[in-house]
Amino acid sequence: MADIKWNPGVRLILSDVDETIADLYLPADENTVKELVLLLQDGISLFFITGQGLRSVRERIINKIPSNLRWRILVGHCSGAEVWGFDKEGKQEKKPFYSIYEEKLSSKQKLKFREVANQLIKEFELKVCPTMPIQKFITQVGNDPLSILYEDRGPQITFEMVNAYDLTDDQVKKLKHDIPITHGHLDLRIPMVEMAEKLLTKENLPITPRLGGEFALDLAVEGVSKTTAVKTVLEESEILNSIGLNKNDLKNYENVEIWGDKFSSIRGGTDRHMCEAVDKRVRAIDFREENPEEFPKGYNIVVWDGEKHLQEGLLEYLQSRYE
C-alpha cells in the first residue's frame, strides 16, 4: 500500500494530461474517467494544463464526461497560451478567458511561424507523420530517428521526436548534424532548438523553442508557461467563479493539488512550472519514477510510491481514496 494518501481537503486539481491522465494520443481509461466524474460530482474542480491542443483534450477526456459536469473543468492548452471553459450545458465557451497567442502574433507573424517550422523540417530532413499512438508509430517507422510526429496546434507547433531524444552512436553517424551530449544523452532536439532560436530571432517572432514531455520539442508563444495559466486563473475571480470556486475556497494550501509526470529541471520537465504559481507547500504528485534530486528546490513534490506509474499510477491513486 502506498504511503501517499488522498488529500481530503482538495478543491482544485491542477493536472497535466499526457502520461498523467491518459497515455500519449490515446483516450483516458474508462476507469480514470469514472473517477474524474466522481471528483466533479463531489464539487472538486479540474484544471488541465497541457502542451496538447484543445481538440485533443476534448476528444480524449472531456467528451467522455457527462455534459452537466463539464462546467467545473478548465483547459489551459498549448502550455497555457489560452485557457478555455465550458458552459452549464457542457459546450465549449465561444471565447477563451485569455489568448496570449492572439495578443502577441499578427496574421503575418502566424504565417512566418509556420514557415520557420517548415524550415526546420527541411534542414533536419525530417519525415513528418500525423499524430498517433506511440506504439502504432513505432510499428510503422521502427527506430528511424528522422521520422517524427508533427502537429500544428495553433498557438503551438509540436515535434514529437520519439526516436531521436536518446540516440545511439550508430544513429548519430548517419545524421547530417553534430549532436552534442546533453545531460548524458545524444538528443537531436538540441541542435534543432539552436537553429529554431536563430530563425525565430531573424523573423522577430515572439516564439520560443522548448523541450517538452519525454521527447517533444515545442515552438510555443514567448513568455507562456504552465505558470502563466495557473497564476491567471488563481488571480481572476471571474474564472474561478466559472468553475464553482472563489479565492476563499483556496485560501489553505491543502485546497490545491498538482498532478504531473515531468518535474525534473534537467530534462525539460514543464510540470514544475505549475508549482511555481502556487504556495510552495502545495503537494505535487509526480507519477513518473523521476529522481527527486532533479526537482527544483523548496517545493512539495513527491514521487508516487504505488505499484504503478504514469496514467496507471494516477488511477491507482484515485482509487486509493476508498481505502
Protein backbone atom coordinates (compact mmCIF):
# COMPACT_ATOMS: atom_id res chain seq x y z
CA MET A 1 0.00 0.00 0.00
CA ALA A 2 1.30 3.45 -0.91
CA ASP A 3 2.32 5.88 1.82
CA ILE A 4 0.96 8.85 -0.16
CA LYS A 5 -2.66 9.29 0.89
CA TRP A 6 -5.59 11.04 -0.72
CA ASN A 7 -5.90 14.71 0.20
CA PRO A 8 -9.44 15.16 1.60
CA GLY A 9 -9.17 18.95 1.59
CA VAL A 10 -8.57 19.38 -2.14
CA ARG A 11 -10.95 21.69 -4.03
CA LEU A 12 -8.95 22.36 -7.19
CA ILE A 13 -6.68 19.95 -9.03
CA LEU A 14 -4.09 21.27 -11.47
CA SER A 15 -3.15 18.45 -13.81
CA ASP A 16 -1.00 17.62 -16.78
CA VAL A 17 -2.64 15.40 -19.41
CA ASP A 18 -0.16 13.24 -21.35
CA GLU A 19 1.11 10.26 -19.34
CA THR A 20 -0.69 11.64 -16.30
CA ILE A 21 -4.40 11.46 -17.14
CA ALA A 22 -4.04 9.48 -20.38
CA ASP A 23 -1.35 7.85 -22.47
CA LEU A 24 0.02 9.96 -25.32
CA TYR A 25 -2.53 10.32 -28.15
CA LEU A 26 -4.82 7.75 -26.55
CA PRO A 27 -8.15 8.32 -24.76
CA ALA A 28 -8.26 8.25 -20.99
CA ASP A 29 -9.01 4.87 -19.47
CA GLU A 30 -12.71 4.37 -18.73
CA ASN A 31 -11.93 3.78 -15.06
CA THR A 32 -9.97 7.03 -14.87
CA VAL A 33 -12.87 8.91 -16.46
CA LYS A 34 -15.22 7.32 -13.91
CA GLU A 35 -13.02 8.57 -11.06
CA LEU A 36 -12.81 12.07 -12.53
CA VAL A 37 -16.59 12.16 -12.82
CA LEU A 38 -16.88 11.25 -9.13
CA LEU A 39 -14.48 14.09 -8.24
CA LEU A 40 -16.57 16.58 -10.19
CA GLN A 41 -19.75 15.29 -8.52
CA ASP A 42 -18.05 15.84 -5.16
CA GLY A 43 -17.53 19.51 -6.02
CA ILE A 44 -13.84 19.26 -6.90
CA SER A 45 -12.83 21.31 -9.94
CA LEU A 46 -10.25 20.28 -12.54
CA PHE A 47 -7.82 22.45 -14.45
CA PHE A 48 -5.96 20.57 -17.19
CA ILE A 49 -2.75 22.39 -18.18
CA THR A 50 -1.04 20.72 -21.10
CA GLY A 51 1.19 21.10 -24.12
CA GLN A 52 -1.52 19.35 -26.11
CA GLY A 53 -4.07 21.23 -28.18
CA LEU A 54 -7.64 21.82 -27.02
CA ARG A 55 -9.15 19.41 -29.57
CA SER A 56 -7.01 16.55 -28.27
CA VAL A 57 -8.02 17.15 -24.66
CA ARG A 58 -11.68 17.32 -25.59
CA GLU A 59 -11.63 14.14 -27.65
CA ARG A 60 -9.59 12.08 -25.19
CA ILE A 61 -11.08 13.23 -21.87
CA ILE A 62 -13.73 15.93 -21.72
CA ASN A 63 -16.19 14.49 -24.26
CA LYS A 64 -16.29 11.35 -22.09
CA ILE A 65 -17.51 13.34 -19.09
CA PRO A 66 -21.27 14.00 -18.70
CA SER A 67 -22.14 17.38 -20.18
CA ASN A 68 -23.73 18.65 -16.95
CA LEU A 69 -20.37 18.34 -15.12
CA ARG A 70 -18.03 19.90 -17.69
CA TRP A 71 -18.57 23.43 -16.38
CA ARG A 72 -16.25 22.54 -13.48
CA ILE A 73 -13.36 22.00 -15.93
CA LEU A 74 -10.83 24.42 -17.39
CA VAL A 75 -8.28 23.66 -20.10
CA GLY A 76 -5.03 25.59 -20.47
CA HIS A 77 -3.82 24.18 -23.77
CA CYS A 78 -0.58 24.67 -25.68
CA SER A 79 1.32 25.13 -22.41
CA GLY A 80 -1.09 27.79 -21.21
CA ALA A 81 -1.26 30.03 -24.29
CA GLU A 82 -5.04 30.01 -23.91
CA VAL A 83 -7.50 28.98 -21.18
CA TRP A 84 -10.95 27.70 -22.11
CA GLY A 85 -14.03 26.81 -20.09
CA PHE A 86 -17.41 25.15 -20.64
CA ASP A 87 -20.96 26.32 -20.02
CA LYS A 88 -23.62 24.61 -17.88
CA GLU A 89 -24.75 22.60 -20.92
CA GLY A 90 -21.25 21.24 -21.40
CA LYS A 91 -20.50 23.24 -24.52
CA GLN A 92 -17.15 24.93 -25.00
CA GLU A 93 -17.39 28.66 -24.38
CA LYS A 94 -17.32 30.82 -27.51
CA LYS A 95 -14.20 32.66 -26.38
CA PRO A 96 -11.22 31.75 -24.19
CA PHE A 97 -10.73 33.55 -20.91
CA TYR A 98 -7.50 34.81 -22.44
CA SER A 99 -5.36 34.17 -25.52
CA ILE A 100 -1.73 35.29 -25.43
CA TYR A 101 -1.37 33.84 -28.95
CA GLU A 102 -3.93 36.27 -30.38
CA GLU A 103 -2.49 39.15 -28.37
CA LYS A 104 1.13 38.65 -29.42
CA LEU A 105 1.03 37.49 -33.05
CA SER A 106 -0.30 39.30 -36.10
CA SER A 107 -1.69 37.39 -39.10
CA LYS A 108 1.61 37.88 -40.92
CA GLN A 109 3.60 36.59 -37.95
CA LYS A 110 1.41 33.49 -37.74
CA LEU A 111 2.34 32.66 -41.34
CA LYS A 112 6.04 33.26 -40.62
CA PHE A 113 5.73 30.96 -37.62
CA ARG A 114 4.69 28.12 -39.94
CA GLU A 115 7.48 28.95 -42.36
CA VAL A 116 10.07 28.57 -39.60
CA ALA A 117 8.64 25.17 -38.67
CA ASN A 118 8.87 24.08 -42.30
CA GLN A 119 12.47 25.29 -42.49
CA LEU A 120 13.36 23.10 -39.51
CA ILE A 121 11.74 20.09 -41.15
CA LYS A 122 13.68 20.71 -44.36
CA GLU A 123 17.03 21.46 -42.71
CA PHE A 124 16.95 18.36 -40.50
CA GLU A 125 15.45 16.17 -43.25
CA LEU A 126 12.59 15.12 -41.00
CA LYS A 127 9.90 12.73 -42.18
CA VAL A 128 6.63 14.08 -40.85
CA CYS A 129 3.83 11.79 -39.69
CA PRO A 130 0.44 12.81 -38.29
CA THR A 131 -0.05 12.24 -34.57
CA MET A 132 -0.98 8.72 -33.50
CA PRO A 133 -0.44 6.40 -30.51
CA ILE A 134 3.27 5.84 -29.96
CA GLN A 135 3.21 2.06 -30.37
CA LYS A 136 1.43 2.40 -33.71
CA PHE A 137 4.03 4.96 -34.82
CA ILE A 138 6.94 2.71 -33.85
CA THR A 139 5.33 -0.19 -35.70
CA GLN A 140 5.20 1.98 -38.82
CA VAL A 141 8.64 3.61 -38.74
CA GLY A 142 10.78 1.41 -36.49
CA ASN A 143 13.64 3.29 -34.80
CA ASP A 144 14.22 5.82 -37.57
CA PRO A 145 15.29 9.00 -35.69
CA LEU A 146 14.21 11.30 -38.53
CA SER A 147 10.60 10.08 -38.55
CA ILE A 148 8.58 12.30 -36.22
CA LEU A 149 5.04 13.05 -35.14
CA TYR A 150 4.13 16.63 -36.05
CA GLU A 151 1.16 18.75 -35.06
CA ASP A 152 0.22 22.37 -35.59
CA ARG A 153 -1.89 23.19 -32.53
CA GLY A 154 -2.44 26.82 -33.38
CA PRO A 155 -0.63 28.63 -30.55
CA GLN A 156 2.00 25.89 -30.53
CA ILE A 157 3.74 23.64 -33.07
CA THR A 158 4.99 20.35 -31.68
CA PHE A 159 7.64 17.93 -32.94
CA GLU A 160 7.45 14.57 -31.16
CA MET A 161 10.99 13.20 -31.55
CA VAL A 162 10.10 9.67 -30.47
CA ASN A 163 13.31 8.02 -31.77
CA ALA A 164 15.66 10.98 -31.55
CA TYR A 165 15.91 12.16 -27.93
CA ASP A 166 18.28 9.39 -26.82
CA LEU A 167 20.29 8.42 -29.90
CA THR A 168 22.87 5.68 -30.20
CA ASP A 169 26.33 6.35 -31.63
CA ASP A 170 25.38 4.42 -34.76
CA GLN A 171 22.29 6.56 -35.29
CA VAL A 172 24.30 9.76 -34.87
CA LYS A 173 26.82 8.70 -37.54
CA LYS A 174 24.02 8.62 -40.12
CA LEU A 175 22.77 12.12 -39.35
CA LYS A 176 23.68 15.34 -41.09
CA HIS A 177 24.13 17.41 -37.92
CA ASP A 178 26.51 17.14 -34.99
CA ILE A 179 24.71 16.05 -31.82
CA PRO A 180 26.26 17.18 -28.52
CA ILE A 181 25.94 15.06 -25.40
CA THR A 182 23.42 16.83 -23.16
CA HIS A 183 22.81 15.52 -19.63
CA GLY A 184 24.23 12.19 -20.74
CA HIS A 185 22.05 11.85 -23.87
CA LEU A 186 22.56 12.36 -27.59
CA ASP A 187 19.46 14.41 -28.33
CA LEU A 188 18.61 15.65 -31.83
CA ARG A 189 16.33 18.27 -30.30
CA ILE A 190 19.30 20.27 -29.01
CA PRO A 191 20.67 21.39 -32.42
CA MET A 192 17.06 21.89 -33.54
CA VAL A 193 16.49 24.28 -30.62
CA GLU A 194 19.65 26.20 -31.56
CA MET A 195 18.58 26.57 -35.19
CA ALA A 196 15.00 27.44 -34.25
CA GLU A 197 16.24 30.24 -32.00
CA LYS A 198 18.23 31.74 -34.88
CA LEU A 199 15.32 31.52 -37.35
CA LEU A 200 12.77 32.91 -34.91
CA THR A 201 15.08 35.79 -33.94
CA LYS A 202 15.71 36.60 -37.60
CA GLU A 203 11.96 36.84 -38.23
CA ASN A 204 11.42 38.74 -34.96
CA LEU A 205 8.79 36.26 -33.82
CA PRO A 206 7.66 36.07 -30.16
CA ILE A 207 8.04 32.29 -30.20
CA THR A 208 10.36 30.17 -28.04
CA PRO A 209 11.62 26.62 -28.72
CA ARG A 210 11.49 24.43 -25.62
CA LEU A 211 11.78 20.79 -24.66
CA GLY A 212 8.53 19.22 -23.52
CA GLY A 213 7.28 15.89 -22.24
CA GLU A 214 9.62 12.96 -22.64
CA PHE A 215 10.65 13.60 -26.25
CA ALA A 216 8.83 16.67 -27.58
CA LEU A 217 10.16 19.91 -29.00
CA ASP A 218 7.57 22.68 -28.79
CA LEU A 219 7.60 26.00 -30.57
CA ALA A 220 5.50 28.00 -28.13
CA VAL A 221 4.47 31.62 -27.58
CA GLU A 222 7.20 33.55 -25.79
CA GLY A 223 6.62 34.05 -22.08
CA VAL A 224 3.90 31.40 -21.93
CA SER A 225 4.22 28.54 -19.46
CA LYS A 226 2.07 26.48 -17.14
CA THR A 227 2.90 29.14 -14.54
CA THR A 228 1.14 31.75 -16.70
CA ALA A 229 -2.04 29.71 -16.88
CA VAL A 230 -2.22 28.81 -13.19
CA LYS A 231 -1.45 32.33 -11.93
CA THR A 232 -4.03 33.88 -14.22
CA VAL A 233 -6.78 31.50 -13.11
CA LEU A 234 -5.99 31.81 -9.39
CA GLU A 235 -5.92 35.61 -9.57
CA GLU A 236 -9.10 36.07 -11.64
CA SER A 237 -12.29 35.74 -9.61
CA GLU A 238 -14.37 35.54 -12.80
CA ILE A 239 -12.53 32.41 -13.93
CA LEU A 240 -12.69 30.77 -10.50
CA ASN A 241 -16.40 31.55 -10.25
CA SER A 242 -17.00 29.88 -13.60
CA ILE A 243 -15.88 26.53 -12.10
CA GLY A 244 -17.74 26.99 -8.84
CA LEU A 245 -14.89 28.34 -6.73
CA ASN A 246 -13.76 31.58 -5.14
CA LYS A 247 -10.49 32.70 -3.58
CA ASN A 248 -11.66 31.79 -0.07
CA ASP A 249 -12.15 28.19 -1.21
CA LEU A 250 -8.43 28.05 -1.97
CA LYS A 251 -7.00 30.02 0.94
CA ASN A 252 -5.47 26.90 2.51
CA TYR A 253 -2.58 25.36 0.57
CA GLU A 254 -4.17 21.91 1.04
CA ASN A 255 -7.13 23.03 -1.09
CA VAL A 256 -4.96 22.75 -4.21
CA GLU A 257 -3.10 19.74 -5.55
CA ILE A 258 -0.90 19.22 -8.62
CA TRP A 259 -0.63 16.09 -10.76
CA GLY A 260 2.07 15.55 -13.38
CA ASP A 261 4.81 13.31 -14.69
CA LYS A 262 7.71 15.60 -15.57
CA PHE A 263 9.08 17.75 -12.75
CA SER A 264 12.80 17.28 -13.46
CA SER A 265 14.53 20.60 -14.08
CA ILE A 266 17.19 18.81 -16.15
CA ARG A 267 15.17 17.09 -18.88
CA GLY A 268 12.65 19.80 -19.73
CA GLY A 269 10.08 18.96 -17.05
CA THR A 270 7.36 21.55 -17.64
CA ASP A 271 5.08 20.32 -14.84
CA ARG A 272 7.32 22.02 -12.31
CA HIS A 273 6.04 25.35 -13.64
CA MET A 274 2.66 24.64 -12.04
CA CYS A 275 4.42 24.54 -8.67
CA GLU A 276 5.94 27.96 -9.30
CA ALA A 277 2.48 29.55 -9.45
CA VAL A 278 1.22 28.39 -6.04
CA ASP A 279 2.21 28.23 -2.39
CA LYS A 280 5.36 26.10 -2.14
CA ARG A 281 3.62 23.85 0.37
CA VAL A 282 1.04 22.70 -2.21
CA ARG A 283 1.57 19.00 -2.82
CA ALA A 284 2.57 17.97 -6.34
CA ILE A 285 2.49 14.26 -7.15
CA ASP A 286 4.91 13.03 -9.81
CA PHE A 287 3.56 9.85 -11.40
CA ARG A 288 6.83 9.14 -13.22
CA GLU A 289 9.75 7.48 -11.44
CA GLU A 290 11.97 10.57 -11.51
CA ASN A 291 14.97 11.37 -9.33
CA PRO A 292 13.93 13.86 -6.62
CA GLU A 293 17.44 15.33 -6.78
CA GLU A 294 16.44 16.80 -10.16
CA PHE A 295 13.41 18.63 -8.76
CA PRO A 296 13.50 22.39 -8.14
CA LYS A 297 14.33 23.02 -4.50
CA GLY A 298 11.84 24.15 -1.90
CA TYR A 299 8.67 22.66 -3.41
CA ASN A 300 6.50 19.87 -2.02
CA ILE A 301 6.97 17.47 -4.95
CA VAL A 302 6.58 13.78 -4.11
CA VAL A 303 7.03 10.73 -6.33
CA TRP A 304 4.03 8.39 -6.34
CA ASP A 305 5.00 5.29 -4.39
CA GLY A 306 2.34 2.87 -5.56
CA GLU A 307 2.88 -0.22 -7.68
CA LYS A 308 2.09 1.52 -10.99
CA HIS A 309 3.16 4.77 -12.61
CA LEU A 310 2.16 7.40 -15.19
CA GLN A 311 -1.57 7.28 -16.03
CA GLU A 312 -1.92 3.85 -14.39
CA GLY A 313 -0.37 5.25 -11.23
CA LEU A 314 -2.84 8.13 -11.22
CA LEU A 315 -5.73 5.68 -11.44
CA GLU A 316 -4.21 3.74 -8.57
CA TYR A 317 -4.04 6.96 -6.54
CA LEU A 318 -7.63 7.90 -7.38
CA GLN A 319 -8.90 4.50 -6.32
CA SER A 320 -6.90 4.68 -3.07
CA ARG A 321 -9.29 7.26 -1.66
CA TYR A 322 -11.74 4.48 -0.87
CA GLU A 323 -9.25 2.63 1.32
